[in-house]
Amino acid sequence: MKNPGEQFLHQKDSNLHKTQEVEHEMKRKKIAGEEISQKTDRQDL
C-alpha cells in the first residue's frame, strides 16, 4: 500500500472492502458497466 490514505483505512478497518456497503457498490458498478478496482482479492462478483 503506497497510498497513505489506503494504509490509514486499512489500519482503521482491515475488512472495509468486505462490508455490505462496498459489496453493494461493486455490484452496482459492475451492472452499470463501470470499471471496478482490482486491488481487492474479490473477483467473484
N, C-alpha and C. Protein backbone atom coordinates (compact mmCIF):
# COMPACT_ATOMS: atom_id res chain seq x y z
N MET A 1 0.85 -1.18 0.00
CA MET A 1 0.00 0.00 0.00
C MET A 1 0.89 1.24 0.00
N LYS A 2 0.99 1.85 -1.13
CA LYS A 2 1.83 3.02 -1.24
C LYS A 2 1.07 4.29 -0.87
N ASN A 3 -0.24 4.29 -1.02
CA ASN A 3 -1.06 5.45 -0.73
C ASN A 3 -1.31 5.53 0.78
N PRO A 4 -0.90 6.62 1.44
CA PRO A 4 -1.10 6.72 2.89
C PRO A 4 -2.57 6.64 3.30
N GLY A 5 -3.48 7.11 2.44
CA GLY A 5 -4.91 7.02 2.75
C GLY A 5 -5.38 5.57 2.80
N GLU A 6 -4.87 4.75 1.88
CA GLU A 6 -5.22 3.33 1.88
C GLU A 6 -4.70 2.67 3.15
N GLN A 7 -3.49 3.00 3.52
CA GLN A 7 -2.90 2.41 4.71
C GLN A 7 -3.69 2.82 5.96
N PHE A 8 -4.10 4.09 6.03
CA PHE A 8 -4.88 4.58 7.16
C PHE A 8 -6.20 3.82 7.25
N LEU A 9 -6.90 3.69 6.12
CA LEU A 9 -8.18 2.99 6.14
C LEU A 9 -8.01 1.53 6.50
N HIS A 10 -6.95 0.92 6.00
CA HIS A 10 -6.70 -0.49 6.32
C HIS A 10 -6.43 -0.67 7.82
N GLN A 11 -5.70 0.25 8.41
CA GLN A 11 -5.42 0.17 9.85
C GLN A 11 -6.70 0.38 10.66
N LYS A 12 -7.58 1.27 10.20
CA LYS A 12 -8.82 1.53 10.91
C LYS A 12 -9.79 0.35 10.81
N ASP A 13 -9.92 -0.22 9.62
CA ASP A 13 -10.84 -1.33 9.40
C ASP A 13 -10.31 -2.19 8.27
N SER A 14 -9.62 -3.25 8.63
CA SER A 14 -8.98 -4.09 7.61
C SER A 14 -9.99 -4.89 6.79
N ASN A 15 -11.24 -4.92 7.22
CA ASN A 15 -12.28 -5.64 6.48
C ASN A 15 -13.23 -4.69 5.75
N LEU A 16 -12.81 -3.46 5.56
CA LEU A 16 -13.67 -2.47 4.93
C LEU A 16 -14.14 -2.93 3.55
N HIS A 17 -13.27 -3.56 2.79
CA HIS A 17 -13.62 -3.99 1.44
C HIS A 17 -14.64 -5.12 1.42
N LYS A 18 -14.97 -5.66 2.58
CA LYS A 18 -15.94 -6.76 2.66
C LYS A 18 -17.28 -6.33 3.24
N THR A 19 -17.45 -5.03 3.52
CA THR A 19 -18.70 -4.57 4.11
C THR A 19 -19.83 -4.62 3.09
N GLN A 20 -21.06 -4.65 3.57
CA GLN A 20 -22.22 -4.70 2.70
C GLN A 20 -22.27 -3.49 1.78
N GLU A 21 -21.90 -2.32 2.30
CA GLU A 21 -21.94 -1.11 1.51
C GLU A 21 -20.99 -1.19 0.32
N VAL A 22 -19.79 -1.68 0.55
CA VAL A 22 -18.79 -1.78 -0.51
C VAL A 22 -19.20 -2.87 -1.50
N GLU A 23 -19.66 -3.99 -1.00
CA GLU A 23 -20.11 -5.07 -1.88
C GLU A 23 -21.25 -4.59 -2.78
N HIS A 24 -22.19 -3.84 -2.20
CA HIS A 24 -23.31 -3.30 -2.97
C HIS A 24 -22.81 -2.36 -4.07
N GLU A 25 -21.89 -1.49 -3.73
CA GLU A 25 -21.37 -0.53 -4.71
C GLU A 25 -20.60 -1.24 -5.82
N MET A 26 -19.86 -2.28 -5.49
CA MET A 26 -19.14 -3.03 -6.51
C MET A 26 -20.12 -3.69 -7.47
N LYS A 27 -21.19 -4.26 -6.94
CA LYS A 27 -22.21 -4.89 -7.80
C LYS A 27 -22.89 -3.85 -8.68
N ARG A 28 -23.20 -2.69 -8.11
CA ARG A 28 -23.86 -1.62 -8.85
C ARG A 28 -22.97 -1.16 -10.01
N LYS A 29 -21.67 -0.99 -9.73
CA LYS A 29 -20.75 -0.55 -10.78
C LYS A 29 -20.61 -1.61 -11.87
N LYS A 30 -20.59 -2.86 -11.48
CA LYS A 30 -20.47 -3.92 -12.48
C LYS A 30 -21.69 -3.94 -13.39
N ILE A 31 -22.88 -3.81 -12.82
CA ILE A 31 -24.11 -3.79 -13.61
C ILE A 31 -24.12 -2.58 -14.54
N ALA A 32 -23.63 -1.44 -14.06
CA ALA A 32 -23.61 -0.21 -14.86
C ALA A 32 -22.49 -0.22 -15.91
N GLY A 33 -21.62 -1.22 -15.84
CA GLY A 33 -20.53 -1.31 -16.80
C GLY A 33 -19.34 -0.44 -16.45
N GLU A 34 -19.30 0.06 -15.22
CA GLU A 34 -18.19 0.91 -14.80
C GLU A 34 -17.01 0.05 -14.38
N GLU A 35 -15.83 0.65 -14.43
CA GLU A 35 -14.61 -0.06 -14.05
C GLU A 35 -14.60 -0.28 -12.53
N ILE A 36 -14.19 -1.47 -12.14
CA ILE A 36 -14.09 -1.82 -10.72
C ILE A 36 -12.62 -2.02 -10.39
N SER A 37 -12.17 -1.42 -9.31
CA SER A 37 -10.78 -1.56 -8.90
C SER A 37 -10.46 -3.02 -8.61
N GLN A 38 -9.32 -3.48 -9.07
CA GLN A 38 -8.91 -4.86 -8.86
C GLN A 38 -7.95 -4.99 -7.68
N LYS A 39 -7.91 -3.98 -6.82
CA LYS A 39 -6.99 -4.02 -5.69
C LYS A 39 -7.39 -5.05 -4.65
N THR A 40 -8.66 -5.39 -4.59
CA THR A 40 -9.09 -6.40 -3.63
C THR A 40 -8.91 -7.78 -4.22
N ASP A 41 -9.00 -8.78 -3.40
CA ASP A 41 -8.88 -10.15 -3.87
C ASP A 41 -10.25 -10.70 -4.29
N ARG A 42 -11.27 -9.87 -4.26
CA ARG A 42 -12.62 -10.28 -4.62
C ARG A 42 -12.84 -10.09 -6.10
N GLN A 43 -12.92 -11.16 -6.85
CA GLN A 43 -13.17 -11.08 -8.27
C GLN A 43 -14.35 -11.96 -8.66
N ASP A 44 -15.11 -12.40 -7.67
CA ASP A 44 -16.22 -13.31 -7.94
C ASP A 44 -17.55 -12.58 -8.12
N LEU A 45 -17.53 -11.27 -8.26
CA LEU A 45 -18.77 -10.51 -8.40
C LEU A 45 -19.17 -10.37 -9.85
